[in-house]
C-alpha atoms as a PDB file:
ATOM      1  CA  MET A   1      39.050-221.850  53.630  1.00  0.00           C
ATOM      2  CA  LYS A   2      42.166-221.642  55.774  1.00  0.00           C
ATOM      3  CA  ALA A   3      43.315-218.316  57.159  1.00  0.00           C
ATOM      4  CA  VAL A   4      45.485-216.653  59.836  1.00  0.00           C
ATOM      5  CA  LEU A   5      43.158-214.871  62.258  1.00  0.00           C
ATOM      6  CA  CYS A   6      43.790-211.932  64.619  1.00  0.00           C
ATOM      7  CA  HIS A   7      41.199-211.905  67.421  1.00  0.00           C
ATOM      8  CA  ALA A   8      42.934-209.164  69.683  1.00  0.00           C
ATOM      9  CA  PHE A   9      45.546-206.538  69.205  1.00  0.00           C
ATOM     10  CA  THR A  10      48.039-208.538  71.353  1.00  0.00           C
ATOM     11  CA  GLY A  11      50.677-209.183  68.858  1.00  0.00           C
ATOM     12  CA  PRO A  12      51.893-212.120  66.715  1.00  0.00           C
ATOM     13  CA  ALA A  13      51.880-214.603  69.584  1.00  0.00           C
ATOM     14  CA  ASP A  14      48.174-214.729  69.690  1.00  0.00           C
ATOM     15  CA  LEU A  15      47.494-215.340  66.079  1.00  0.00           C
ATOM     16  CA  CYS A  16      45.885-218.699  65.039  1.00  0.00           C
ATOM     17  CA  VAL A  17      44.939-220.642  61.915  1.00  0.00           C
ATOM     18  CA  GLY A  18      41.365-221.262  61.427  1.00  0.00           C
ATOM     19  CA  GLU A  19      38.593-221.753  58.915  1.00  0.00           C
ATOM     20  CA  ILE A  20      36.591-218.869  57.521  1.00  0.00           C
ATOM     21  CA  GLU A  21      34.083-218.228  54.726  1.00  0.00           C
ATOM     22  CA  VAL A  22      35.512-217.321  51.261  1.00  0.00           C
ATOM     23  CA  PRO A  23      35.118-213.543  50.751  1.00  0.00           C
ATOM     24  CA  ARG A  24      33.016-212.264  47.894  1.00  0.00           C
ATOM     25  CA  PRO A  25      34.442-209.528  45.545  1.00  0.00           C
ATOM     26  CA  ALA A  26      32.514-206.253  45.434  1.00  0.00           C
ATOM     27  CA  GLY A  27      31.964-204.623  41.930  1.00  0.00           C
ATOM     28  CA  ASN A  28      35.501-203.014  41.702  1.00  0.00           C
ATOM     29  CA  GLU A  29      37.239-206.063  43.363  1.00  0.00           C
ATOM     30  CA  ILE A  30      38.734-209.380  42.286  1.00  0.00           C
ATOM     31  CA  LEU A  31      38.986-212.595  44.164  1.00  0.00           C
ATOM     32  CA  ILE A  32      42.466-214.324  44.161  1.00  0.00           C
ATOM     33  CA  GLU A  33      43.603-217.804  45.021  1.00  0.00           C
ATOM     34  CA  VAL A  34      46.682-216.902  47.009  1.00  0.00           C
ATOM     35  CA  HIS A  35      49.859-218.732  46.215  1.00  0.00           C
ATOM     36  CA  ALA A  36      52.327-216.574  48.217  1.00  0.00           C
ATOM     37  CA  ALA A  37      52.060-213.638  50.657  1.00  0.00           C
ATOM     38  CA  SER A  38      54.765-211.434  52.079  1.00  0.00           C
ATOM     39  CA  VAL A  39      55.269-210.323  55.699  1.00  0.00           C
ATOM     40  CA  SER A  40      55.928-206.718  56.427  1.00  0.00           C
ATOM     41  CA  PHE A  41      56.692-204.693  59.551  1.00  0.00           C
ATOM     42  CA  MET A  42      53.368-203.012  58.981  1.00  0.00           C
ATOM     43  CA  ASP A  43      51.553-206.425  59.421  1.00  0.00           C
ATOM     44  CA  GLN A  44      53.325-206.806  62.745  1.00  0.00           C
ATOM     45  CA  LEU A  45      52.202-203.319  63.844  1.00  0.00           C
ATOM     46  CA  MET A  46      48.740-203.994  62.737  1.00  0.00           C
ATOM     47  CA  VAL A  47      48.136-207.122  64.872  1.00  0.00           C
ATOM     48  CA  SER A  48      49.763-205.309  67.776  1.00  0.00           C
ATOM     49  CA  GLY A  49      47.387-202.451  67.520  1.00  0.00           C
ATOM     50  CA  LEU A  50      50.164-200.073  66.847  1.00  0.00           C
ATOM     51  CA  TYR A  51      49.376-199.090  63.285  1.00  0.00           C
ATOM     52  CA  GLN A  52      47.730-195.820  62.323  1.00  0.00           C
ATOM     53  CA  MET A  53      44.476-197.793  61.519  1.00  0.00           C
ATOM     54  CA  ARG A  54      42.783-200.743  63.383  1.00  0.00           C
ATOM     55  CA  PRO A  55      40.696-203.207  61.447  1.00  0.00           C
ATOM     56  CA  SER A  56      37.556-204.601  62.881  1.00  0.00           C
ATOM     57  CA  LEU A  57      38.228-207.770  64.872  1.00  0.00           C
ATOM     58  CA  PRO A  58      38.695-210.603  63.966  1.00  0.00           C
ATOM     59  CA  PHE A  59      40.543-210.039  60.909  1.00  0.00           C
ATOM     60  CA  VAL A  60      42.953-211.755  58.575  1.00  0.00           C
ATOM     61  CA  PRO A  61      46.406-209.987  58.508  1.00  0.00           C
ATOM     62  CA  GLY A  62      48.532-209.564  55.282  1.00  0.00           C
ATOM     63  CA  THR A  63      48.981-206.647  53.059  1.00  0.00           C
ATOM     64  CA  GLU A  64      50.443-208.195  49.920  1.00  0.00           C
ATOM     65  CA  ALA A  65      50.101-211.332  48.015  1.00  0.00           C
ATOM     66  CA  ALA A  66      50.372-213.029  44.590  1.00  0.00           C
ATOM     67  CA  GLY A  67      48.244-215.752  42.984  1.00  0.00           C
ATOM     68  CA  VAL A  68      45.547-216.434  40.335  1.00  0.00           C
ATOM     69  CA  VAL A  69      42.253-214.571  39.772  1.00  0.00           C
ATOM     70  CA  ILE A  70      39.245-216.854  40.214  1.00  0.00           C
ATOM     71  CA  ALA A  71      36.333-214.300  40.140  1.00  0.00           C
ATOM     72  CA  VAL A  72      35.862-210.640  39.395  1.00  0.00           C
ATOM     73  CA  GLY A  73      33.273-207.968  40.384  1.00  0.00           C
ATOM     74  CA  GLU A  74      30.699-206.749  37.739  1.00  0.00           C
ATOM     75  CA  ARG A  75      32.668-203.448  37.285  1.00  0.00           C
ATOM     76  CA  VAL A  76      36.136-205.022  36.842  1.00  0.00           C
ATOM     77  CA  THR A  77      37.573-204.592  33.376  1.00  0.00           C
ATOM     78  CA  THR A  78      41.265-205.126  33.707  1.00  0.00           C
ATOM     79  CA  PHE A  79      41.390-208.807  34.954  1.00  0.00           C
ATOM     80  CA  ALA A  80      39.600-212.064  34.138  1.00  0.00           C
ATOM     81  CA  PRO A  81      39.719-215.530  35.879  1.00  0.00           C
ATOM     82  CA  GLY A  82      42.962-217.199  35.229  1.00  0.00           C
ATOM     83  CA  ASP A  83      45.162-214.130  35.281  1.00  0.00           C
ATOM     84  CA  ARG A  84      48.369-214.270  37.444  1.00  0.00           C
ATOM     85  CA  VAL A  85      48.442-211.152  39.709  1.00  0.00           C
ATOM     86  CA  ALA A  86      50.020-209.464  42.548  1.00  0.00           C
ATOM     87  CA  CYS A  87      47.840-207.358  44.754  1.00  0.00           C
ATOM     88  CA  SER A  88      47.977-205.265  47.875  1.00  0.00           C
ATOM     89  CA  SER A  89      45.313-204.526  50.525  1.00  0.00           C
ATOM     90  CA  TRP A  90      45.134-203.392  54.146  1.00  0.00           C
ATOM     91  CA  THR A  91      44.296-206.991  55.276  1.00  0.00           C
ATOM     92  CA  GLY A  92      43.452-210.368  54.075  1.00  0.00           C
ATOM     93  CA  ALA A  93      46.601-211.796  52.420  1.00  0.00           C
ATOM     94  CA  TYR A  94      47.350-214.545  54.955  1.00  0.00           C
ATOM     95  CA  ALA A  95      44.632-216.802  53.581  1.00  0.00           C
ATOM     96  CA  GLU A  96      44.054-219.328  50.795  1.00  0.00           C
ATOM     97  CA  ARG A  97      41.864-216.727  48.959  1.00  0.00           C
ATOM     98  CA  MET A  98      41.519-212.988  49.371  1.00  0.00           C
ATOM     99  CA  ILE A  99      39.913-209.921  47.797  1.00  0.00           C
ATOM    100  CA  ALA A 100      41.710-206.873  46.395  1.00  0.00           C
ATOM    101  CA  LYS A 101      40.623-203.732  44.590  1.00  0.00           C
ATOM    102  CA  GLU A 102      41.166-203.815  40.857  1.00  0.00           C
ATOM    103  CA  SER A 103      43.239-200.569  41.098  1.00  0.00           C
ATOM    104  CA  LYS A 104      45.579-202.250  43.727  1.00  0.00           C
ATOM    105  CA  SER A 105      46.325-205.385  41.574  1.00  0.00           C
ATOM    106  CA  VAL A 106      48.723-205.809  38.699  1.00  0.00           C
ATOM    107  CA  ARG A 107      49.141-208.644  36.148  1.00  0.00           C
ATOM    108  CA  LEU A 108      52.357-210.521  36.499  1.00  0.00           C
ATOM    109  CA  PRO A 109      54.909-210.695  33.631  1.00  0.00           C
ATOM    110  CA  ASP A 110      55.681-214.282  32.192  1.00  0.00           C
ATOM    111  CA  GLY A 111      58.257-216.091  34.179  1.00  0.00           C
ATOM    112  CA  VAL A 112      57.873-214.025  37.474  1.00  0.00           C
ATOM    113  CA  ALA A 113      57.286-216.421  40.395  1.00  0.00           C
ATOM    114  CA  PHE A 114      54.502-215.779  42.855  1.00  0.00           C
ATOM    115  CA  GLU A 115      57.019-215.728  45.723  1.00  0.00           C
ATOM    116  CA  THR A 116      58.906-212.857  44.043  1.00  0.00           C
ATOM    117  CA  ALA A 117      55.847-211.007  42.874  1.00  0.00           C
ATOM    118  CA  ALA A 118      54.470-210.980  46.491  1.00  0.00           C
ATOM    119  CA  THR A 119      57.298-208.873  47.733  1.00  0.00           C
ATOM    120  CA  VAL A 120      57.171-205.929  45.184  1.00  0.00           C
ATOM    121  CA  LEU A 121      54.164-203.660  45.546  1.00  0.00           C
ATOM    122  CA  HIS A 122      54.415-202.641  49.264  1.00  0.00           C
ATOM    123  CA  VAL A 123      58.200-202.175  49.528  1.00  0.00           C
ATOM    124  CA  TYR A 124      59.219-201.188  46.037  1.00  0.00           C
ATOM    125  CA  GLY A 125      55.936-199.143  45.821  1.00  0.00           C
ATOM    126  CA  THR A 126      57.097-197.307  48.920  1.00  0.00           C
ATOM    127  CA  ALA A 127      60.523-196.691  47.644  1.00  0.00           C
ATOM    128  CA  TYR A 128      59.343-195.651  44.089  1.00  0.00           C
ATOM    129  CA  TYR A 129      56.639-193.201  45.465  1.00  0.00           C
ATOM    130  CA  ALA A 130      59.296-191.759  47.802  1.00  0.00           C
ATOM    131  CA  LEU A 131      62.251-191.308  45.487  1.00  0.00           C
ATOM    132  CA  VAL A 132      60.429-190.756  42.079  1.00  0.00           C
ATOM    133  CA  GLU A 133      57.143-189.029  43.018  1.00  0.00           C
ATOM    134  CA  ARG A 134      57.941-187.216  46.242  1.00  0.00           C
ATOM    135  CA  ALA A 135      61.702-186.534  46.135  1.00  0.00           C
ATOM    136  CA  ARG A 136      62.053-186.135  42.462  1.00  0.00           C
ATOM    137  CA  ALA A 137      65.438-187.825  42.861  1.00  0.00           C
ATOM    138  CA  LYS A 138      68.225-186.983  40.364  1.00  0.00           C
ATOM    139  CA  ALA A 139      71.085-189.107  39.339  1.00  0.00           C
ATOM    140  CA  ASP A 140      74.322-188.620  41.307  1.00  0.00           C
ATOM    141  CA  GLU A 141      72.427-187.141  44.311  1.00  0.00           C
ATOM    142  CA  THR A 142      73.497-188.654  47.704  1.00  0.00           C
ATOM    143  CA  LEU A 143      70.733-190.756  49.355  1.00  0.00           C
ATOM    144  CA  PHE A 144      70.871-191.961  52.983  1.00  0.00           C
ATOM    145  CA  VAL A 145      68.578-194.893  53.745  1.00  0.00           C
ATOM    146  CA  THR A 146      68.070-196.109  57.389  1.00  0.00           C
ATOM    147  CA  GLY A 147      66.908-199.614  58.069  1.00  0.00           C
ATOM    148  CA  ALA A 148      68.601-200.354  54.797  1.00  0.00           C
ATOM    149  CA  ALA A 149      68.768-204.150  55.057  1.00  0.00           C
ATOM    150  CA  GLY A 150      64.947-204.347  55.847  1.00  0.00           C
ATOM    151  CA  GLY A 151      62.165-204.892  53.246  1.00  0.00           C
ATOM    152  CA  VAL A 152      61.428-201.098  52.456  1.00  0.00           C
ATOM    153  CA  GLY A 153      64.996-200.011  53.075  1.00  0.00           C
ATOM    154  CA  LEU A 154      66.587-202.576  50.719  1.00  0.00           C
ATOM    155  CA  ALA A 155      63.911-201.890  48.043  1.00  0.00           C
ATOM    156  CA  ALA A 156      65.066-198.185  48.184  1.00  0.00           C
ATOM    157  CA  VAL A 157      68.643-199.078  47.961  1.00  0.00           C
ATOM    158  CA  ASP A 158      67.864-201.357  44.905  1.00  0.00           C
ATOM    159  CA  LEU A 159      65.685-198.777  43.213  1.00  0.00           C
ATOM    160  CA  ALA A 160      68.220-195.971  43.863  1.00  0.00           C
ATOM    161  CA  ARG A 161      70.915-198.028  42.291  1.00  0.00           C
ATOM    162  CA  HIS A 162      68.675-198.241  39.174  1.00  0.00           C
ATOM    163  CA  LEU A 163      68.056-194.479  39.372  1.00  0.00           C
ATOM    164  CA  GLY A 164      71.805-193.736  39.506  1.00  0.00           C
ATOM    165  CA  LEU A 165      71.957-192.258  42.992  1.00  0.00           C
ATOM    166  CA  ARG A 166      75.004-192.330  45.321  1.00  0.00           C
ATOM    167  CA  ILE A 167      73.779-194.581  48.152  1.00  0.00           C
ATOM    168  CA  VAL A 168      74.771-194.463  51.795  1.00  0.00           C
ATOM    169  CA  ALA A 169      73.199-197.318  53.746  1.00  0.00           C
ATOM    170  CA  GLY A 170      72.368-197.100  57.323  1.00  0.00           C
ATOM    171  CA  VAL A 171      72.266-200.392  59.330  1.00  0.00           C
ATOM    172  CA  GLY A 172      71.973-201.386  62.913  1.00  0.00           C
ATOM    173  CA  SER A 173      74.449-204.309  62.829  1.00  0.00           C
ATOM    174  CA  ASP A 174      77.634-205.086  60.843  1.00  0.00           C
ATOM    175  CA  ASP A 175      76.227-208.476  59.546  1.00  0.00           C
ATOM    176  CA  LYS A 176      73.842-206.482  57.263  1.00  0.00           C
ATOM    177  CA  ALA A 177      76.584-204.597  55.486  1.00  0.00           C
ATOM    178  CA  ALA A 178      77.514-207.202  52.839  1.00  0.00           C
ATOM    179  CA  LEU A 179      73.853-207.456  51.599  1.00  0.00           C
ATOM    180  CA  VAL A 180      73.297-203.621  51.203  1.00  0.00           C
ATOM    181  CA  ARG A 181      76.618-203.338  49.418  1.00  0.00           C
ATOM    182  CA  ARG A 182      75.600-206.148  47.131  1.00  0.00           C
ATOM    183  CA  TYR A 183      72.399-204.134  46.346  1.00  0.00           C
ATOM    184  CA  GLY A 184      74.166-200.938  45.406  1.00  0.00           C
ATOM    185  CA  ALA A 185      75.300-198.996  48.533  1.00  0.00           C
ATOM    186  CA  SER A 186      78.725-197.402  48.077  1.00  0.00           C
ATOM    187  CA  GLU A 187      79.020-196.510  51.734  1.00  0.00           C
ATOM    188  CA  VAL A 188      77.610-198.241  54.878  1.00  0.00           C
ATOM    189  CA  VAL A 189      77.134-196.707  58.310  1.00  0.00           C
ATOM    190  CA  ASN A 190      76.339-198.616  61.404  1.00  0.00           C
ATOM    191  CA  TYR A 191      74.512-196.071  63.476  1.00  0.00           C
ATOM    192  CA  ARG A 192      74.588-198.210  66.573  1.00  0.00           C
ATOM    193  CA  SER A 193      78.354-198.340  66.871  1.00  0.00           C
ATOM    194  CA  GLU A 194      79.502-195.282  64.761  1.00  0.00           C
ATOM    195  CA  ASP A 195      79.005-191.508  65.172  1.00  0.00           C
ATOM    196  CA  LEU A 196      76.425-190.781  62.467  1.00  0.00           C
ATOM    197  CA  ARG A 197      77.279-187.097  62.298  1.00  0.00           C
ATOM    198  CA  ASP A 198      80.911-187.656  61.755  1.00  0.00           C
ATOM    199  CA  ARG A 199      80.537-190.475  59.272  1.00  0.00           C
ATOM    200  CA  ILE A 200      77.923-188.498  57.115  1.00  0.00           C
ATOM    201  CA  LYS A 201      80.111-185.344  57.109  1.00  0.00           C
ATOM    202  CA  SER A 202      83.170-187.444  56.098  1.00  0.00           C
ATOM    203  CA  ILE A 203      81.282-189.238  53.366  1.00  0.00           C
ATOM    204  CA  THR A 204      79.767-186.037  52.014  1.00  0.00           C
ATOM    205  CA  SER A 205      82.786-183.830  52.441  1.00  0.00           C
ATOM    206  CA  GLY A 206      80.770-181.775  54.743  1.00  0.00           C
ATOM    207  CA  GLN A 207      77.987-181.145  52.289  1.00  0.00           C
ATOM    208  CA  GLY A 208      75.314-183.377  53.929  1.00  0.00           C
ATOM    209  CA  ILE A 209      72.811-185.642  52.318  1.00  0.00           C
ATOM    210  CA  ASP A 210      70.500-184.586  49.350  1.00  0.00           C
ATOM    211  CA  ILE A 211      67.798-187.213  50.278  1.00  0.00           C
ATOM    212  CA  GLY A 212      67.146-188.737  53.569  1.00  0.00           C
ATOM    213  CA  PHE A 213      64.923-191.930  53.537  1.00  0.00           C
ATOM    214  CA  ASP A 214      64.195-192.774  57.060  1.00  0.00           C
ATOM    215  CA  ASN A 215      62.447-195.984  58.397  1.00  0.00           C
ATOM    216  CA  VAL A 216      63.566-195.771  61.935  1.00  0.00           C
ATOM    217  CA  GLY A 217      62.479-192.465  63.493  1.00  0.00           C
ATOM    218  CA  GLY A 218      63.454-191.557  66.892  1.00  0.00           C
ATOM    219  CA  THR A 219      66.927-190.112  67.496  1.00  0.00           C
ATOM    220  CA  ILE A 220      68.148-191.282  64.026  1.00  0.00           C
ATOM    221  CA  LEU A 221      65.702-188.950  62.245  1.00  0.00           C
ATOM    222  CA  GLU A 222      66.492-186.142  64.707  1.00  0.00           C
ATOM    223  CA  GLN A 223      70.299-186.422  63.764  1.00  0.00           C
ATOM    224  CA  MET A 224      69.477-186.701  60.064  1.00  0.00           C
ATOM    225  CA  ALA A 225      67.616-183.307  60.238  1.00  0.00           C
ATOM    226  CA  ARG A 226      71.083-181.780  61.144  1.00  0.00           C
ATOM    227  CA  LEU A 227      72.869-183.481  58.260  1.00  0.00           C
ATOM    228  CA  MET A 228      70.898-182.270  55.207  1.00  0.00           C
ATOM    229  CA  ASN A 229      72.483-180.546  52.171  1.00  0.00           C
ATOM    230  CA  TRP A 230      71.129-177.381  50.852  1.00  0.00           C
ATOM    231  CA  GLY A 231      67.865-177.907  49.024  1.00  0.00           C
ATOM    232  CA  GLY A 232      67.546-181.466  50.357  1.00  0.00           C
ATOM    233  CA  ARG A 233      64.529-183.770  51.077  1.00  0.00           C
ATOM    234  CA  LEU A 234      64.093-185.376  54.293  1.00  0.00           C
ATOM    235  CA  MET A 235      61.497-188.158  54.172  1.00  0.00           C
ATOM    236  CA  PRO A 236      59.912-189.903  57.208  1.00  0.00           C
ATOM    237  CA  ILE A 237      58.847-193.290  55.977  1.00  0.00           C
ATOM    238  CA  GLY A 238      58.210-195.294  59.191  1.00  0.00           C
ATOM    239  CA  PHE A 239      59.095-195.380  62.831  1.00  0.00           C
ATOM    240  CA  THR A 240      60.345-198.831  63.603  1.00  0.00           C
ATOM    241  CA  SER A 241      62.094-197.508  66.592  1.00  0.00           C
ATOM    242  CA  GLY A 242      58.818-196.874  68.125  1.00  0.00           C
ATOM    243  CA  VAL A 243      59.548-193.192  68.701  1.00  0.00           C
ATOM    244  CA  ILE A 244      58.053-190.347  66.599  1.00  0.00           C
ATOM    245  CA  PRO A 245      60.831-187.672  66.565  1.00  0.00           C
ATOM    246  CA  GLN A 246      60.488-183.892  66.945  1.00  0.00           C
ATOM    247  CA  ILE A 247      62.418-181.544  64.682  1.00  0.00           C
ATOM    248  CA  PRO A 248      63.306-177.978  65.305  1.00  0.00           C
ATOM    249  CA  MET A 249      61.818-176.065  62.401  1.00  0.00           C
ATOM    250  CA  ASN A 250      64.869-173.798  62.186  1.00  0.00           C
ATOM    251  CA  LEU A 251      66.726-176.700  60.757  1.00  0.00           C
ATOM    252  CA  PRO A 252      64.856-176.881  57.353  1.00  0.00           C
ATOM    253  CA  LEU A 253      64.754-173.124  57.218  1.00  0.00           C
ATOM    254  CA  LEU A 254      68.459-172.607  57.571  1.00  0.00           C
ATOM    255  CA  LYS A 255      69.356-175.179  54.742  1.00  0.00           C
ATOM    256  CA  ASN A 256      66.209-174.545  52.625  1.00  0.00           C
ATOM    257  CA  TYR A 257      65.374-178.249  52.764  1.00  0.00           C
ATOM    258  CA  ALA A 258      62.004-179.896  52.672  1.00  0.00           C
ATOM    259  CA  ILE A 259      60.525-182.531  55.096  1.00  0.00           C
ATOM    260  CA  ILE A 260      58.360-184.603  52.882  1.00  0.00           C
ATOM    261  CA  GLY A 261      55.795-187.129  54.191  1.00  0.00           C
ATOM    262  CA  VAL A 262      55.468-190.451  52.456  1.00  0.00           C
ATOM    263  CA  PHE A 263      52.387-192.519  52.981  1.00  0.00           C
ATOM    264  CA  VAL A 264      52.008-194.621  49.832  1.00  0.00           C
ATOM    265  CA  GLY A 265      48.922-196.549  51.108  1.00  0.00           C
ATOM    266  CA  ALA A 266      46.826-193.235  51.473  1.00  0.00           C
ATOM    267  CA  TRP A 267      48.203-191.984  48.072  1.00  0.00           C
ATOM    268  CA  ALA A 268      47.053-195.093  46.397  1.00  0.00           C
ATOM    269  CA  GLU A 269      43.533-194.881  47.918  1.00  0.00           C
ATOM    270  CA  LYS A 270      43.360-191.178  46.766  1.00  0.00           C
ATOM    271  CA  PHE A 271      44.852-191.516  43.351  1.00  0.00           C
ATOM    272  CA  PRO A 272      44.284-195.090  42.281  1.00  0.00           C
ATOM    273  CA  ASP A 273      44.911-194.509  38.601  1.00  0.00           C
ATOM    274  CA  GLU A 274      48.400-193.132  39.345  1.00  0.00           C
ATOM    275  CA  ALA A 275      49.098-195.969  41.740  1.00  0.00           C
ATOM    276  CA  ALA A 276      48.097-198.556  39.082  1.00  0.00           C
ATOM    277  CA  ARG A 277      50.490-196.991  36.520  1.00  0.00           C
ATOM    278  CA  MET A 278      53.260-197.111  39.308  1.00  0.00           C
ATOM    279  CA  ASN A 279      52.492-200.875  39.805  1.00  0.00           C
ATOM    280  CA  ASP A 280      52.702-201.505  36.109  1.00  0.00           C
ATOM    281  CA  THR A 281      56.028-199.887  36.033  1.00  0.00           C
ATOM    282  CA  LEU A 282      57.376-201.884  38.901  1.00  0.00           C
ATOM    283  CA  MET A 283      56.329-205.079  37.306  1.00  0.00           C
ATOM    284  CA  GLN A 284      58.169-203.970  34.042  1.00  0.00           C
ATOM    285  CA  LEU A 285      61.320-203.212  36.120  1.00  0.00           C
ATOM    286  CA  LEU A 286      60.993-206.715  37.873  1.00  0.00           C
ATOM    287  CA  ALA A 287      60.562-208.545  34.345  1.00  0.00           C
ATOM    288  CA  GLU A 288      63.680-206.562  33.072  1.00  0.00           C
ATOM    289  CA  GLY A 289      65.827-207.554  35.969  1.00  0.00           C
ATOM    290  CA  ALA A 290      66.233-203.856  36.907  1.00  0.00           C
ATOM    291  CA  ILE A 291      64.983-204.503  40.502  1.00  0.00           C
ATOM    292  CA  ARG A 292      65.878-207.616  42.484  1.00  0.00           C
ATOM    293  CA  PRO A 293      63.714-208.293  45.408  1.00  0.00           C
ATOM    294  CA  HIS A 294      65.581-210.331  48.181  1.00  0.00           C
ATOM    295  CA  ILE A 295      63.689-212.990  49.968  1.00  0.00           C
ATOM    296  CA  GLY A 296      65.404-214.010  53.220  1.00  0.00           C
ATOM    297  CA  ARG A 297      63.021-216.813  54.233  1.00  0.00           C
ATOM    298  CA  VAL A 298      60.184-218.775  52.870  1.00  0.00           C
ATOM    299  CA  LEU A 299      57.645-220.287  55.529  1.00  0.00           C
ATOM    300  CA  PRO A 300      54.437-222.128  55.529  1.00  0.00           C
ATOM    301  CA  LEU A 301      51.162-220.119  56.395  1.00  0.00           C
ATOM    302  CA  GLU A 302      51.154-221.775  59.826  1.00  0.00           C
ATOM    303  CA  GLU A 303      54.442-220.069  60.709  1.00  0.00           C
ATOM    304  CA  ALA A 304      53.053-216.535  60.238  1.00  0.00           C
ATOM    305  CA  SER A 305      53.524-215.771  64.030  1.00  0.00           C
ATOM    306  CA  GLU A 306      57.138-216.762  63.725  1.00  0.00           C
ATOM    307  CA  ALA A 307      57.641-214.538  60.667  1.00  0.00           C
ATOM    308  CA  MET A 308      56.252-211.586  62.461  1.00  0.00           C
ATOM    309  CA  ARG A 309      58.286-212.112  65.482  1.00  0.00           C
ATOM    310  CA  ALA A 310      61.356-212.135  63.216  1.00  0.00           C
ATOM    311  CA  MET A 311      60.268-208.824  61.748  1.00  0.00           C
ATOM    312  CA  ALA A 312      59.757-207.327  65.198  1.00  0.00           C
ATOM    313  CA  ASN A 313      63.216-208.513  66.269  1.00  0.00           C
ATOM    314  CA  ARG A 314      64.969-207.048  63.283  1.00  0.00           C
ATOM    315  CA  THR A 315      66.457-210.413  62.352  1.00  0.00           C
ATOM    316  CA  VAL A 316      65.084-210.245  58.779  1.00  0.00           C
ATOM    317  CA  GLN A 317      67.036-209.200  55.721  1.00  0.00           C
ATOM    318  CA  GLY A 318      64.785-208.375  52.870  1.00  0.00           C
ATOM    319  CA  ARG A 319      61.354-209.966  53.046  1.00  0.00           C
ATOM    320  CA  ILE A 320      59.801-213.184  54.505  1.00  0.00           C
ATOM    321  CA  VAL A 321      57.321-215.011  52.203  1.00  0.00           C
ATOM    322  CA  LEU A 322      54.513-217.244  53.416  1.00  0.00           C
ATOM    323  CA  LYS A 323      54.085-219.911  50.802  1.00  0.00           C
ATOM    324  CA  ILE A 324      50.335-220.852  50.697  1.00  0.00           C
ATOM    325  CA  ARG A 325      50.220-223.005  47.459  1.00  0.00           C
END
C-alpha cells in the first residue's frame, strides 16, 4: 500500500511516498481504509524529532484519520467491517490503510464527511479535555486562547462558544482576526503588535482572565501568568514558539490560581473508557452542528510535506486535510 514515510528526524522536506506492507490489527485494534487524514502541528514536530516521543524509524506520520473499517482484532466488540469511523493514533494516518486502537476510534454519524471527521478528535479532543475536564469551565467566564486561528486554538474558540464562555482570541497577525470572530471570539488581541498586558487589563476591567488556554509558550505564557484572575486556571497546551517558559511560583500563590497541565494523548492512553466517551460526545456535537471544524486546505497525500511546512510557517487557519480516497 502507498504511505508517506519518515526515514530520519530531519523535518518535512525529507518525507517520501513509498510502498509498505498493510499493517495487521492486534486483538484490541481495527484496520481502517483511510479516506482522509488531517495534518497537525504535532505531526510536524514528530518528523522533526522535536516531540516528546520519537517513533522507531522508519515510520508513517499522521495522528488522525477517517475511513472505513475493513478488519478487526479478535477482542474488538464495538466495530465491524463496513463501519465508518474516525480514529486517532500516534502514527500511521498518512497511508491508504492504518490501524488504531478500538478505544481511540469512534463511529461517524450519518452525513458527516470523512474530511470533516478527520479533523475532530485531536483538536476538539484537546479543547474538550482542557475546558470541560481540566478547567471545569463555567458559562460567562473569560477565556483567553493563544494561537486562536490554528487547529487546536480554533477548536477551543468554537467549543468555548458552545459552552457559553466569553472568548478573547490571541493571534499573531491581523488577517486571522475575522476567522476567530466568526467562530465566537468577542475580542481579538494581536500579541505581536499590541501590548498584551494593557489589552487584557482593558478587556477584563482589570480583573484578568479566568482561563488561559496557551498553545504558544515562551514569553506569551509568561505574560499570561501575570494576567490571571483570582481562582483562575492557566493551562499550557503546547509550545509552538519552541520555547518552554518559566513561571515564578509566587504568581499563582498571590492570585490563588492553578496551573493545569493538558496532555490529552497521555490521558486517553491511561483512561481509554473516559476518552471513548469524550469522542462519542464530540461526534454528537458535530452531528448536531454545535461544533464546526474549519478546513483551510485539502491536499493529496503526495503533498504531505507541503502541508507540514505550512503548519510550521503558521500560514494555516484551522486544519489541512490530506484526501487519500
